[in-house]
Amino acid sequence: MAINAYPLFLSREEVAELTGRKFKNLQIDNLRRMGISFQINASGWPIVVRSAIEPIKTSKENPSDRIKKWEPSVLSKAS
């Protein structure tokens, strides 16, 4: 696999691995079918921004931690 000098974008090899296709027209078809956002460069190759396939980073805080856990009133009045 070639070194990717532009880490913002997937390399051609990475796009081929992602789509399972070597030919650009088939890669484009598969990217559309998969719902992955891409652009086509002047050479006709699909260009995929790396963030289009990486998971969204969220804060370390779990949203459920902000919600007070239910506790029976009998126990909460005992203290």
C-alpha atoms as a PDB file:
ATOM      1  CA  MET A   1       0.000   0.000   0.000  1.00  0.00           C
ATOM      2  CA  ALA A   2       1.348   3.443  -0.908  1.00  0.00           C
ATOM      3  CA  ILE A   3       1.983   6.041   1.764  1.00  0.00           C
ATOM      4  CA  ASN A   4      -0.830   8.541   1.874  1.00  0.00           C
ATOM      5  CA  ALA A   5       0.722  12.007   1.675  1.00  0.00           C
ATOM      6  CA  TYR A   6      -2.701  13.602   2.224  1.00  0.00           C
ATOM      7  CA  PRO A   7      -4.152  12.167   5.417  1.00  0.00           C
ATOM      8  CA  LEU A   8      -7.276  14.300   4.971  1.00  0.00           C
ATOM      9  CA  PHE A   9      -8.348  12.047   2.075  1.00  0.00           C
ATOM     10  CA  LEU A  10      -8.421   8.284   1.594  1.00  0.00           C
ATOM     11  CA  SER A  11      -5.796   6.955  -0.820  1.00  0.00           C
ATOM     12  CA  ARG A  12      -6.881   5.180  -4.017  1.00  0.00           C
ATOM     13  CA  GLU A  13      -5.913   1.899  -2.386  1.00  0.00           C
ATOM     14  CA  GLU A  14      -8.075   2.675   0.641  1.00  0.00           C
ATOM     15  CA  VAL A  15     -11.045   3.569  -1.562  1.00  0.00           C
ATOM     16  CA  ALA A  16     -10.529   0.315  -3.484  1.00  0.00           C
ATOM     17  CA  GLU A  17     -10.442  -1.636  -0.220  1.00  0.00           C
ATOM     18  CA  LEU A  18     -13.503   0.185   1.122  1.00  0.00           C
ATOM     19  CA  THR A  19     -15.578  -0.424  -2.005  1.00  0.00           C
ATOM     20  CA  GLY A  20     -14.119  -3.773  -3.016  1.00  0.00           C
ATOM     21  CA  ARG A  21     -13.652  -2.404  -6.541  1.00  0.00           C
ATOM     22  CA  LYS A  22     -10.560  -1.422  -8.538  1.00  0.00           C
ATOM     23  CA  PHE A  23     -12.179   0.529 -11.369  1.00  0.00           C
ATOM     24  CA  LYS A  24     -13.178   4.110 -10.671  1.00  0.00           C
ATOM     25  CA  ASN A  25     -16.668   3.841 -12.164  1.00  0.00           C
ATOM     26  CA  LEU A  26     -17.421   0.806  -9.986  1.00  0.00           C
ATOM     27  CA  GLN A  27     -15.965   2.552  -6.931  1.00  0.00           C
ATOM     28  CA  ILE A  28     -18.262   5.513  -7.583  1.00  0.00           C
ATOM     29  CA  ASP A  29     -21.277   3.198  -7.909  1.00  0.00           C
ATOM     30  CA  ASN A  30     -20.429   1.443  -4.639  1.00  0.00           C
ATOM     31  CA  LEU A  31     -19.798   4.683  -2.748  1.00  0.00           C
ATOM     32  CA  ARG A  32     -23.225   5.934  -3.863  1.00  0.00           C
ATOM     33  CA  ARG A  33     -24.847   2.645  -2.853  1.00  0.00           C
ATOM     34  CA  MET A  34     -23.099   2.797   0.538  1.00  0.00           C
ATOM     35  CA  GLY A  35     -24.194   6.395   1.089  1.00  0.00           C
ATOM     36  CA  ILE A  36     -20.631   7.640   1.575  1.00  0.00           C
ATOM     37  CA  SER A  37     -20.033  11.255   0.608  1.00  0.00           C
ATOM     38  CA  PHE A  38     -17.377  11.843  -2.063  1.00  0.00           C
ATOM     39  CA  GLN A  39     -16.326  14.139  -4.888  1.00  0.00           C
ATOM     40  CA  ILE A  40     -14.914  13.248  -8.283  1.00  0.00           C
ATOM     41  CA  ASN A  41     -11.558  14.800  -9.163  1.00  0.00           C
ATOM     42  CA  ALA A  42     -10.458  16.045 -12.606  1.00  0.00           C
ATOM     43  CA  SER A  43      -9.129  12.566 -13.449  1.00  0.00           C
ATOM     44  CA  GLY A  44     -12.495  10.994 -12.719  1.00  0.00           C
ATOM     45  CA  TRP A  45     -11.435   9.249  -9.478  1.00  0.00           C
ATOM     46  CA  PRO A  46     -13.641   9.388  -6.398  1.00  0.00           C
ATOM     47  CA  ILE A  47     -12.140  11.436  -3.560  1.00  0.00           C
ATOM     48  CA  VAL A  48     -13.350  10.523  -0.076  1.00  0.00           C
ATOM     49  CA  VAL A  49     -12.678  12.735   2.917  1.00  0.00           C
ATOM     50  CA  ARG A  50     -11.408  10.534   5.741  1.00  0.00           C
ATOM     51  CA  SER A  51     -13.964  11.993   8.154  1.00  0.00           C
ATOM     52  CA  ALA A  52     -16.759  10.598   5.937  1.00  0.00           C
ATOM     53  CA  ILE A  53     -16.001   7.087   7.180  1.00  0.00           C
ATOM     54  CA  GLU A  54     -14.512   7.666  10.640  1.00  0.00           C
ATOM     55  CA  PRO A  55     -16.752   7.440  13.665  1.00  0.00           C
ATOM     56  CA  ILE A  56     -17.919  10.720  15.129  1.00  0.00           C
ATOM     57  CA  LYS A  57     -15.922  11.628  18.201  1.00  0.00           C
ATOM     58  CA  THR A  58     -18.043  12.504  21.184  1.00  0.00           C
ATOM     59  CA  SER A  59     -17.161  13.829  24.564  1.00  0.00           C
ATOM     60  CA  LYS A  60     -16.080  11.323  27.176  1.00  0.00           C
ATOM     61  CA  GLU A  61     -19.120  12.176  29.254  1.00  0.00           C
ATOM     62  CA  ASN A  62     -21.899   9.674  28.917  1.00  0.00           C
ATOM     63  CA  PRO A  63     -25.237  11.499  28.416  1.00  0.00           C
ATOM     64  CA  SER A  64     -26.927   9.063  30.792  1.00  0.00           C
ATOM     65  CA  ASP A  65     -24.583  10.265  33.560  1.00  0.00           C
ATOM     66  CA  ARG A  66     -26.346  13.653  33.487  1.00  0.00           C
ATOM     67  CA  ILE A  67     -29.729  12.084  34.134  1.00  0.00           C
ATOM     68  CA  LYS A  68     -30.458  11.423  37.799  1.00  0.00           C
ATOM     69  CA  LYS A  69     -30.957   7.740  38.406  1.00  0.00           C
ATOM     70  CA  TRP A  70     -34.392   6.758  39.632  1.00  0.00           C
ATOM     71  CA  GLU A  71     -34.547   5.954  43.292  1.00  0.00           C
ATOM     72  CA  PRO A  72     -37.622   4.926  45.259  1.00  0.00           C
ATOM     73  CA  SER A  73     -38.919   7.709  47.485  1.00  0.00           C
ATOM     74  CA  VAL A  74     -38.734   5.400  50.490  1.00  0.00           C
ATOM     75  CA  LEU A  75     -34.966   5.222  50.126  1.00  0.00           C
ATOM     76  CA  SER A  76     -34.450   8.896  49.350  1.00  0.00           C
ATOM     77  CA  LYS A  77     -36.381  10.013  52.475  1.00  0.00           C
ATOM     78  CA  ALA A  78     -34.469   7.611  54.710  1.00  0.00           C
ATOM     79  CA  SER A  79     -31.293   9.687  54.579  1.00  0.00           C
END
